[in-house]
C-alpha atoms as a PDB file:
ATOM      1  CA  MET A   1     107.467 285.561  53.549  1.00  0.00           C
ATOM      2  CA  GLN A   2     110.789 285.931  55.377  1.00  0.00           C
ATOM      3  CA  VAL A   3     112.716 282.783  54.490  1.00  0.00           C
ATOM      4  CA  SER A   4     112.440 280.071  51.837  1.00  0.00           C
ATOM      5  CA  PHE A   5     114.183 276.727  52.395  1.00  0.00           C
ATOM      6  CA  LEU A   6     114.951 275.140  49.025  1.00  0.00           C
ATOM      7  CA  ILE A   7     115.882 271.496  48.416  1.00  0.00           C
ATOM      8  CA  VAL A   8     116.404 269.458  45.258  1.00  0.00           C
ATOM      9  CA  THR A   9     116.154 265.720  45.804  1.00  0.00           C
ATOM     10  CA  LYS A  10     116.704 262.527  43.850  1.00  0.00           C
ATOM     11  CA  GLU A  11     116.579 258.896  44.975  1.00  0.00           C
ATOM     12  CA  ARG A  12     117.016 259.626  48.683  1.00  0.00           C
ATOM     13  CA  PRO A  13     113.500 259.639  50.182  1.00  0.00           C
ATOM     14  CA  GLU A  14     114.660 258.541  53.642  1.00  0.00           C
ATOM     15  CA  ALA A  15     117.347 261.203  53.800  1.00  0.00           C
ATOM     16  CA  LEU A  16     114.914 263.860  52.616  1.00  0.00           C
ATOM     17  CA  ALA A  17     112.313 262.825  55.207  1.00  0.00           C
ATOM     18  CA  PHE A  18     114.957 263.107  57.933  1.00  0.00           C
ATOM     19  CA  THR A  19     115.907 266.610  56.754  1.00  0.00           C
ATOM     20  CA  LEU A  20     112.286 267.755  56.576  1.00  0.00           C
ATOM     21  CA  ASP A  21     111.572 266.422  60.068  1.00  0.00           C
ATOM     22  CA  LYS A  22     114.561 268.399  61.365  1.00  0.00           C
ATOM     23  CA  LEU A  23     113.460 271.568  59.568  1.00  0.00           C
ATOM     24  CA  LYS A  24     109.915 271.339  60.935  1.00  0.00           C
ATOM     25  CA  LEU A  25     111.336 271.795  64.439  1.00  0.00           C
ATOM     26  CA  GLN A  26     113.045 275.098  63.541  1.00  0.00           C
ATOM     27  CA  ILE A  27     110.644 276.961  61.286  1.00  0.00           C
ATOM     28  CA  ASP A  28     107.467 278.991  61.658  1.00  0.00           C
ATOM     29  CA  LEU A  29     105.264 278.185  58.681  1.00  0.00           C
ATOM     30  CA  SER A  30     103.454 281.510  58.982  1.00  0.00           C
ATOM     31  CA  ILE A  31     106.630 283.329  57.895  1.00  0.00           C
ATOM     32  CA  HIS A  32     108.807 280.550  56.441  1.00  0.00           C
ATOM     33  CA  GLU A  33     108.281 278.146  53.550  1.00  0.00           C
ATOM     34  CA  VAL A  34     109.880 274.910  52.372  1.00  0.00           C
ATOM     35  CA  LEU A  35     110.068 274.062  48.674  1.00  0.00           C
ATOM     36  CA  VAL A  36     111.267 270.688  47.366  1.00  0.00           C
ATOM     37  CA  PHE A  37     111.947 269.688  43.762  1.00  0.00           C
ATOM     38  CA  ILE A  38     111.785 265.940  43.070  1.00  0.00           C
ATOM     39  CA  ASP A  39     114.143 265.303  40.181  1.00  0.00           C
ATOM     40  CA  GLY A  40     112.712 262.230  38.496  1.00  0.00           C
ATOM     41  CA  CYS A  41     112.237 259.842  41.405  1.00  0.00           C
ATOM     42  CA  SER A  42     108.969 257.970  41.952  1.00  0.00           C
ATOM     43  CA  ALA A  43     110.160 256.580  45.298  1.00  0.00           C
ATOM     44  CA  THR A  44     110.388 260.114  46.682  1.00  0.00           C
ATOM     45  CA  GLU A  45     106.929 260.970  45.351  1.00  0.00           C
ATOM     46  CA  ALA A  46     105.591 258.346  47.745  1.00  0.00           C
ATOM     47  CA  ILE A  47     106.361 260.525  50.789  1.00  0.00           C
ATOM     48  CA  VAL A  48     104.724 263.702  49.447  1.00  0.00           C
ATOM     49  CA  ALA A  49     101.450 263.060  51.270  1.00  0.00           C
ATOM     50  CA  ASN A  50     103.294 262.899  54.606  1.00  0.00           C
ATOM     51  CA  TYR A  51     104.443 266.525  54.315  1.00  0.00           C
ATOM     52  CA  GLU A  52     101.475 268.689  53.404  1.00  0.00           C
ATOM     53  CA  TRP A  53     103.284 271.794  54.667  1.00  0.00           C
ATOM     54  CA  VAL A  54     105.936 271.414  51.936  1.00  0.00           C
ATOM     55  CA  GLN A  55     105.497 272.915  48.467  1.00  0.00           C
ATOM     56  CA  TRP A  56     106.355 270.119  46.080  1.00  0.00           C
ATOM     57  CA  PHE A  57     107.590 270.424  42.501  1.00  0.00           C
ATOM     58  CA  ILE A  58     107.853 267.160  40.592  1.00  0.00           C
ATOM     59  CA  SER A  59     109.654 266.337  37.370  1.00  0.00           C
ATOM     60  CA  LYS A  60     108.922 262.856  36.061  1.00  0.00           C
ATOM     61  CA  LYS A  61     112.164 262.990  34.069  1.00  0.00           C
ATOM     62  CA  SER A  62     115.461 263.841  35.737  1.00  0.00           C
ATOM     63  CA  VAL A  63     116.786 267.244  34.664  1.00  0.00           C
ATOM     64  CA  SER A  64     119.846 267.221  36.991  1.00  0.00           C
ATOM     65  CA  ALA A  65     120.585 269.355  40.015  1.00  0.00           C
ATOM     66  CA  SER A  66     121.415 272.759  38.561  1.00  0.00           C
ATOM     67  CA  PRO A  67     118.442 273.061  36.158  1.00  0.00           C
ATOM     68  CA  ALA A  68     116.215 271.739  38.964  1.00  0.00           C
ATOM     69  CA  ARG A  69     117.470 274.441  41.305  1.00  0.00           C
ATOM     70  CA  ASN A  70     116.964 277.051  38.606  1.00  0.00           C
ATOM     71  CA  GLU A  71     113.329 276.058  38.259  1.00  0.00           C
ATOM     72  CA  LEU A  72     112.702 275.696  41.999  1.00  0.00           C
ATOM     73  CA  TYR A  73     114.152 279.071  42.970  1.00  0.00           C
ATOM     74  CA  LYS A  74     111.796 280.868  40.563  1.00  0.00           C
ATOM     75  CA  ASN A  75     108.899 279.865  42.810  1.00  0.00           C
ATOM     76  CA  ALA A  76     110.354 280.961  46.171  1.00  0.00           C
ATOM     77  CA  LYS A  77     108.852 284.033  47.827  1.00  0.00           C
ATOM     78  CA  GLY A  78     111.118 284.561  50.828  1.00  0.00           C
ATOM     79  CA  ILE A  79     113.338 287.601  51.243  1.00  0.00           C
ATOM     80  CA  ILE A  80     116.141 285.123  51.977  1.00  0.00           C
ATOM     81  CA  PHE A  81     116.711 281.800  50.236  1.00  0.00           C
ATOM     82  CA  ILE A  82     118.389 279.014  52.230  1.00  0.00           C
ATOM     83  CA  GLY A  83     119.679 276.173  50.079  1.00  0.00           C
ATOM     84  CA  LEU A  84     120.156 272.682  51.497  1.00  0.00           C
ATOM     85  CA  ASP A  85     120.909 269.255  50.072  1.00  0.00           C
ATOM     86  CA  ASP A  86     118.352 266.550  50.755  1.00  0.00           C
ATOM     87  CA  ASP A  87     120.872 264.856  53.056  1.00  0.00           C
ATOM     88  CA  ALA A  88     121.866 267.981  54.994  1.00  0.00           C
ATOM     89  CA  HIS A  89     120.177 269.657  57.939  1.00  0.00           C
ATOM     90  CA  PRO A  90     121.002 272.684  60.122  1.00  0.00           C
ATOM     91  CA  LEU A  91     122.859 272.133  63.372  1.00  0.00           C
ATOM     92  CA  THR A  92     122.694 275.791  64.432  1.00  0.00           C
ATOM     93  CA  ILE A  93     119.490 276.350  66.406  1.00  0.00           C
ATOM     94  CA  ASP A  94     119.325 280.100  65.768  1.00  0.00           C
ATOM     95  CA  LEU A  95     120.370 279.742  62.145  1.00  0.00           C
ATOM     96  CA  ILE A  96     117.618 281.993  60.750  1.00  0.00           C
ATOM     97  CA  SER A  97     118.217 284.883  63.146  1.00  0.00           C
ATOM     98  CA  LYS A  98     121.993 284.726  62.569  1.00  0.00           C
ATOM     99  CA  ILE A  99     121.479 284.908  58.806  1.00  0.00           C
ATOM    100  CA  GLN A 100     119.009 287.763  59.046  1.00  0.00           C
ATOM    101  CA  GLN A 101     121.315 289.738  61.318  1.00  0.00           C
ATOM    102  CA  GLN A 102     124.310 289.259  59.028  1.00  0.00           C
ATOM    103  CA  PHE A 103     122.395 290.459  55.979  1.00  0.00           C
ATOM    104  CA  ARG A 104     121.048 293.471  57.899  1.00  0.00           C
ATOM    105  CA  GLU A 105     124.522 294.513  59.025  1.00  0.00           C
ATOM    106  CA  ASP A 106     126.126 294.260  55.576  1.00  0.00           C
ATOM    107  CA  GLN A 107     124.086 295.541  52.645  1.00  0.00           C
ATOM    108  CA  LYS A 108     126.710 294.413  50.115  1.00  0.00           C
ATOM    109  CA  LEU A 109     126.598 290.842  51.374  1.00  0.00           C
ATOM    110  CA  GLY A 110     125.082 288.547  48.756  1.00  0.00           C
ATOM    111  CA  VAL A 111     125.728 284.991  49.957  1.00  0.00           C
ATOM    112  CA  ILE A 112     126.489 283.376  53.318  1.00  0.00           C
ATOM    113  CA  ALA A 113     128.328 280.041  53.194  1.00  0.00           C
ATOM    114  CA  PHE A 114     127.840 277.658  56.127  1.00  0.00           C
ATOM    115  CA  GLN A 115     130.281 275.314  57.794  1.00  0.00           C
ATOM    116  CA  GLU A 116     129.787 271.793  56.461  1.00  0.00           C
ATOM    117  CA  ILE A 117     130.198 268.933  58.953  1.00  0.00           C
ATOM    118  CA  ARG A 118     130.340 265.701  56.998  1.00  0.00           C
ATOM    119  CA  GLY A 119     129.463 262.332  58.413  1.00  0.00           C
ATOM    120  CA  ILE A 120     126.704 260.131  59.776  1.00  0.00           C
ATOM    121  CA  PHE A 121     126.293 260.486  63.529  1.00  0.00           C
ATOM    122  CA  GLU A 122     124.078 259.144  66.275  1.00  0.00           C
ATOM    123  CA  ASP A 123     122.604 262.600  66.889  1.00  0.00           C
ATOM    124  CA  ASP A 124     123.301 266.316  66.476  1.00  0.00           C
ATOM    125  CA  THR A 125     125.214 266.440  69.745  1.00  0.00           C
ATOM    126  CA  GLU A 126     127.779 264.025  68.339  1.00  0.00           C
ATOM    127  CA  ALA A 127     127.870 265.918  65.038  1.00  0.00           C
ATOM    128  CA  LEU A 128     128.665 269.147  66.864  1.00  0.00           C
ATOM    129  CA  THR A 129     131.728 267.576  68.460  1.00  0.00           C
ATOM    130  CA  TYR A 130     133.230 267.857  64.956  1.00  0.00           C
ATOM    131  CA  PHE A 131     132.472 271.579  64.793  1.00  0.00           C
ATOM    132  CA  LYS A 132     135.661 273.423  63.784  1.00  0.00           C
ATOM    133  CA  GLN A 133     136.407 276.646  65.619  1.00  0.00           C
ATOM    134  CA  LYS A 134     137.747 278.724  62.763  1.00  0.00           C
ATOM    135  CA  GLU A 135     137.590 282.320  61.662  1.00  0.00           C
ATOM    136  CA  SER A 136     134.891 283.626  59.360  1.00  0.00           C
ATOM    137  CA  TYR A 137     136.078 285.323  56.189  1.00  0.00           C
ATOM    138  CA  PHE A 138     135.096 286.643  52.777  1.00  0.00           C
ATOM    139  CA  THR A 139     135.420 283.965  50.111  1.00  0.00           C
ATOM    140  CA  ASN A 140     134.769 283.327  46.417  1.00  0.00           C
ATOM    141  CA  ASP A 141     132.437 280.320  46.625  1.00  0.00           C
ATOM    142  CA  PHE A 142     129.862 278.461  48.715  1.00  0.00           C
ATOM    143  CA  VAL A 143     128.765 274.875  49.248  1.00  0.00           C
ATOM    144  CA  GLY A 144     125.385 273.883  47.879  1.00  0.00           C
ATOM    145  CA  CYS A 145     124.537 271.715  50.888  1.00  0.00           C
ATOM    146  CA  GLY A 146     124.260 274.796  53.116  1.00  0.00           C
ATOM    147  CA  PHE A 147     124.116 278.476  52.156  1.00  0.00           C
ATOM    148  CA  ALA A 148     121.887 281.553  52.147  1.00  0.00           C
ATOM    149  CA  ILE A 149     121.383 284.150  49.424  1.00  0.00           C
ATOM    150  CA  LYS A 150     119.221 287.250  49.337  1.00  0.00           C
ATOM    151  CA  LYS A 151     116.357 286.999  46.855  1.00  0.00           C
ATOM    152  CA  SER A 152     117.135 290.510  45.623  1.00  0.00           C
ATOM    153  CA  VAL A 153     120.660 289.382  44.735  1.00  0.00           C
ATOM    154  CA  TYR A 154     119.640 286.046  43.221  1.00  0.00           C
ATOM    155  CA  ASP A 155     117.109 287.776  40.971  1.00  0.00           C
ATOM    156  CA  GLN A 156     119.863 289.953  39.488  1.00  0.00           C
ATOM    157  CA  THR A 157     121.799 286.871  38.360  1.00  0.00           C
ATOM    158  CA  ASN A 158     120.868 284.280  35.756  1.00  0.00           C
ATOM    159  CA  GLY A 159     120.232 281.896  38.624  1.00  0.00           C
ATOM    160  CA  PHE A 160     121.657 278.419  38.821  1.00  0.00           C
ATOM    161  CA  PRO A 161     122.806 277.578  35.276  1.00  0.00           C
ATOM    162  CA  ILE A 162     120.557 275.415  33.137  1.00  0.00           C
ATOM    163  CA  TRP A 163     123.628 274.561  31.031  1.00  0.00           C
ATOM    164  CA  MET A 164     125.294 272.687  33.912  1.00  0.00           C
ATOM    165  CA  THR A 165     124.425 269.358  35.488  1.00  0.00           C
ATOM    166  CA  ILE A 166     125.686 268.709  39.024  1.00  0.00           C
ATOM    167  CA  TYR A 167     128.994 269.541  40.751  1.00  0.00           C
ATOM    168  CA  GLY A 168     129.944 273.027  39.625  1.00  0.00           C
ATOM    169  CA  GLU A 169     126.770 275.082  39.683  1.00  0.00           C
ATOM    170  CA  GLU A 170     127.751 276.930  42.863  1.00  0.00           C
ATOM    171  CA  PRO A 171     130.883 278.596  41.367  1.00  0.00           C
ATOM    172  CA  ALA A 172     128.772 279.743  38.405  1.00  0.00           C
ATOM    173  CA  LEU A 173     126.285 281.531  40.646  1.00  0.00           C
ATOM    174  CA  ALA A 174     129.094 282.759  42.906  1.00  0.00           C
ATOM    175  CA  ILE A 175     131.015 284.504  40.114  1.00  0.00           C
ATOM    176  CA  GLU A 176     127.839 286.242  38.960  1.00  0.00           C
ATOM    177  CA  VAL A 177     127.237 287.471  42.521  1.00  0.00           C
ATOM    178  CA  LEU A 178     130.798 288.813  42.705  1.00  0.00           C
ATOM    179  CA  ASP A 179     130.471 290.429  39.279  1.00  0.00           C
ATOM    180  CA  LEU A 180     127.443 292.365  40.532  1.00  0.00           C
ATOM    181  CA  GLY A 181     129.598 293.859  43.285  1.00  0.00           C
ATOM    182  CA  TYR A 182     128.282 291.735  46.166  1.00  0.00           C
ATOM    183  CA  THR A 183     130.346 289.663  48.592  1.00  0.00           C
ATOM    184  CA  ILE A 184     130.290 286.044  49.754  1.00  0.00           C
ATOM    185  CA  TYR A 185     130.949 285.417  53.447  1.00  0.00           C
ATOM    186  CA  TYR A 186     131.878 282.132  55.093  1.00  0.00           C
ATOM    187  CA  GLN A 187     130.169 282.301  58.491  1.00  0.00           C
ATOM    188  CA  ASN A 188     131.810 279.666  60.625  1.00  0.00           C
ATOM    189  CA  ASP A 189     129.246 279.668  63.447  1.00  0.00           C
ATOM    190  CA  ILE A 190     126.439 278.501  61.144  1.00  0.00           C
ATOM    191  CA  ALA A 191     126.775 274.755  60.569  1.00  0.00           C
ATOM    192  CA  VAL A 192     124.972 271.993  58.718  1.00  0.00           C
ATOM    193  CA  ASN A 193     125.430 268.255  59.015  1.00  0.00           C
ATOM    194  CA  HIS A 194     125.963 266.843  55.533  1.00  0.00           C
ATOM    195  CA  ARG A 195     125.111 263.226  56.175  1.00  0.00           C
ATOM    196  CA  VAL A 196     127.412 261.568  53.649  1.00  0.00           C
ATOM    197  CA  ASP A 197     129.264 258.277  53.951  1.00  0.00           C
ATOM    198  CA  ALA A 198     132.486 258.939  52.022  1.00  0.00           C
ATOM    199  CA  LYS A 199     133.602 255.287  52.085  1.00  0.00           C
ATOM    200  CA  MET A 200     130.288 254.086  50.692  1.00  0.00           C
ATOM    201  CA  ARG A 201     130.379 256.656  47.892  1.00  0.00           C
ATOM    202  CA  LEU A 202     133.803 255.424  46.861  1.00  0.00           C
ATOM    203  CA  LYS A 203     132.517 251.844  46.762  1.00  0.00           C
ATOM    204  CA  GLN A 204     129.672 253.017  44.521  1.00  0.00           C
ATOM    205  CA  ALA A 205     132.232 254.567  42.129  1.00  0.00           C
ATOM    206  CA  ARG A 206     130.743 258.011  42.604  1.00  0.00           C
ATOM    207  CA  ASN A 207     134.262 259.365  42.189  1.00  0.00           C
ATOM    208  CA  TYR A 208     134.018 258.664  38.434  1.00  0.00           C
ATOM    209  CA  PHE A 209     130.588 260.270  38.252  1.00  0.00           C
ATOM    210  CA  ARG A 210     131.869 263.325  40.098  1.00  0.00           C
ATOM    211  CA  PHE A 211     135.017 263.539  37.971  1.00  0.00           C
ATOM    212  CA  GLU A 212     133.066 263.495  34.728  1.00  0.00           C
ATOM    213  CA  ASN A 213     130.574 266.134  35.825  1.00  0.00           C
ATOM    214  CA  GLN A 214     133.150 268.398  37.450  1.00  0.00           C
ATOM    215  CA  LEU A 215     135.373 268.326  34.368  1.00  0.00           C
ATOM    216  CA  ARG A 216     132.447 269.019  32.032  1.00  0.00           C
ATOM    217  CA  ASN A 217     131.169 271.857  34.180  1.00  0.00           C
ATOM    218  CA  SER A 218     134.627 273.374  34.659  1.00  0.00           C
ATOM    219  CA  ILE A 219     135.092 273.539  30.884  1.00  0.00           C
ATOM    220  CA  ARG A 220     131.713 275.207  30.555  1.00  0.00           C
ATOM    221  CA  PHE A 221     132.444 277.607  33.417  1.00  0.00           C
ATOM    222  CA  TYR A 222     135.557 278.984  31.720  1.00  0.00           C
ATOM    223  CA  LEU A 223     133.906 279.167  28.301  1.00  0.00           C
ATOM    224  CA  VAL A 224     130.910 281.085  29.633  1.00  0.00           C
ATOM    225  CA  TYR A 225     132.464 283.451  32.164  1.00  0.00           C
ATOM    226  CA  TYR A 226     136.109 284.094  31.242  1.00  0.00           C
ATOM    227  CA  PRO A 227     136.825 286.832  28.678  1.00  0.00           C
ATOM    228  CA  ASN A 228     139.852 284.828  27.477  1.00  0.00           C
ATOM    229  CA  PRO A 229     139.292 281.206  28.559  1.00  0.00           C
ATOM    230  CA  TYR A 230     141.865 279.427  26.412  1.00  0.00           C
ATOM    231  CA  LEU A 231     144.812 279.307  28.830  1.00  0.00           C
ATOM    232  CA  LYS A 232     142.565 278.167  31.694  1.00  0.00           C
ATOM    233  CA  LEU A 233     141.105 275.431  29.493  1.00  0.00           C
ATOM    234  CA  VAL A 234     144.538 274.147  28.532  1.00  0.00           C
ATOM    235  CA  GLN A 235     145.625 274.135  32.184  1.00  0.00           C
ATOM    236  CA  LEU A 236     142.414 272.381  33.222  1.00  0.00           C
ATOM    237  CA  LEU A 237     142.718 269.633  30.622  1.00  0.00           C
ATOM    238  CA  PHE A 238     146.439 269.125  31.204  1.00  0.00           C
ATOM    239  CA  HIS A 239     145.933 268.805  34.968  1.00  0.00           C
ATOM    240  CA  ASN A 240     143.039 266.342  34.718  1.00  0.00           C
ATOM    241  CA  PHE A 241     144.712 264.275  32.028  1.00  0.00           C
ATOM    242  CA  ASN A 242     147.909 263.838  34.030  1.00  0.00           C
ATOM    243  CA  LYS A 243     146.380 263.456  37.488  1.00  0.00           C
ATOM    244  CA  TYR A 244     143.428 261.228  36.555  1.00  0.00           C
ATOM    245  CA  ALA A 245     143.233 260.026  32.955  1.00  0.00           C
ATOM    246  CA  LEU A 246     146.778 258.659  32.893  1.00  0.00           C
ATOM    247  CA  THR A 247     146.329 256.772  36.143  1.00  0.00           C
ATOM    248  CA  ASP A 248     143.014 254.977  35.648  1.00  0.00           C
ATOM    249  CA  PHE A 249     141.323 253.606  32.511  1.00  0.00           C
ATOM    250  CA  LEU A 250     137.826 254.591  33.648  1.00  0.00           C
ATOM    251  CA  PHE A 251     139.010 258.126  34.327  1.00  0.00           C
ATOM    252  CA  PHE A 252     140.553 258.083  30.832  1.00  0.00           C
ATOM    253  CA  LYS A 253     137.208 257.076  29.297  1.00  0.00           C
ATOM    254  CA  CYS A 254     135.416 259.825  31.232  1.00  0.00           C
ATOM    255  CA  PHE A 255     138.018 262.364  30.140  1.00  0.00           C
ATOM    256  CA  CYS A 256     137.698 261.459  26.455  1.00  0.00           C
ATOM    257  CA  LYS A 257     133.908 261.463  26.655  1.00  0.00           C
ATOM    258  CA  VAL A 258     133.813 264.937  28.216  1.00  0.00           C
ATOM    259  CA  VAL A 259     136.277 266.421  25.726  1.00  0.00           C
ATOM    260  CA  PHE A 260     134.423 264.920  22.753  1.00  0.00           C
ATOM    261  CA  LEU A 261     130.996 266.115  23.927  1.00  0.00           C
ATOM    262  CA  SER A 262     132.352 269.558  24.795  1.00  0.00           C
ATOM    263  CA  ILE A 263     133.620 269.965  21.245  1.00  0.00           C
ATOM    264  CA  ILE A 264     130.396 268.959  19.527  1.00  0.00           C
ATOM    265  CA  GLN A 265     128.227 270.970  21.971  1.00  0.00           C
ATOM    266  CA  ILE A 266     130.312 274.150  21.981  1.00  0.00           C
ATOM    267  CA  THR A 267     128.019 276.076  19.613  1.00  0.00           C
ATOM    268  CA  THR A 268     125.039 275.516  21.899  1.00  0.00           C
ATOM    269  CA  LEU A 269     127.035 276.370  25.009  1.00  0.00           C
ATOM    270  CA  LEU A 270     128.364 279.631  23.598  1.00  0.00           C
ATOM    271  CA  LYS A 271     124.778 280.915  23.386  1.00  0.00           C
ATOM    272  CA  HIS A 272     125.010 281.228  27.194  1.00  0.00           C
ATOM    273  CA  ARG A 273     128.345 283.040  27.093  1.00  0.00           C
ATOM    274  CA  LYS A 274     128.383 286.042  29.424  1.00  0.00           C
ATOM    275  CA  PRO A 275     131.975 287.041  30.295  1.00  0.00           C
ATOM    276  CA  VAL A 276     132.450 288.773  33.631  1.00  0.00           C
ATOM    277  CA  GLN A 277     134.695 291.751  34.201  1.00  0.00           C
ATOM    278  CA  VAL A 278     138.439 291.146  34.330  1.00  0.00           C
ATOM    279  CA  GLU A 279     138.405 292.828  37.755  1.00  0.00           C
ATOM    280  CA  THR A 280     135.938 290.206  38.967  1.00  0.00           C
ATOM    281  CA  ILE A 281     138.290 287.378  38.019  1.00  0.00           C
ATOM    282  CA  LYS A 282     141.172 289.129  39.760  1.00  0.00           C
ATOM    283  CA  LYS A 283     139.040 289.617  42.870  1.00  0.00           C
ATOM    284  CA  ARG A 284     137.894 285.988  42.743  1.00  0.00           C
ATOM    285  CA  ASN A 285     141.503 284.778  42.566  1.00  0.00           C
ATOM    286  CA  GLN A 286     142.558 286.986  45.488  1.00  0.00           C
ATOM    287  CA  LEU A 287     139.782 285.904  47.840  1.00  0.00           C
ATOM    288  CA  LYS A 288     140.377 283.074  50.280  1.00  0.00           C
ATOM    289  CA  ARG A 289     138.982 279.778  49.040  1.00  0.00           C
ATOM    290  CA  LEU A 290     136.626 277.632  51.033  1.00  0.00           C
ATOM    291  CA  ASN A 291     138.230 274.744  52.855  1.00  0.00           C
ATOM    292  CA  TYR A 292     135.808 271.960  51.851  1.00  0.00           C
END
């Protein structure tokens, strides 16, 4: 098997169906496979019968995105894993050949990050009008809605962390890839359309949900991977308290909840502690960050 497309989905059956229909037009099922993990969503289970060519993995209870990815990726057989969100589809027609060529040309390349074009458009032609002509470069992270990683590299890591939820699992995998001596490359000419409605998400208060999960996962990231995490933790908490908690009561409640739970769960979390090399952190800080 050459390529595995991997998607975790929850409560977006229509978006997932759209993505799968788009993928079907680009892949050859004799050498490519599509694996989907349904994270506790009966509505999505209803469309399973419509896509017999997909390998389905179903959890009746939601386990959250990162543990779901961890479980899903164990079952993939492709030489290359391509990760997509359920509401993201490739815009680059020759996406697979571009990825394969890039990995062939650079043996130390571990992850390829794609350009993310956000928005809901009439068609792919309109979406591509928002394509940004920028340089490609080595980076320290990738976006979960569109990336590729070699199976041989992924298998050397601990995979997506089971001790994280959602929003933050990509940096955890990224720092492990860098610590192994591999690189992460933002390839600008490979693009995905992440079909998100930013205004609608704000109306649904997803900013509070994101804040809580990002803060929790950032605390865990530093505790697990940094040899000396204390200064980074103080900086993280100070920044989030001043920028968010002091300005909004709901942010304040989220902040207090995360800090409290982090304290009482620290013993369990430290069982996953695996500090990376100091040189890896220096390299991570020197690399150009992704422009989300």
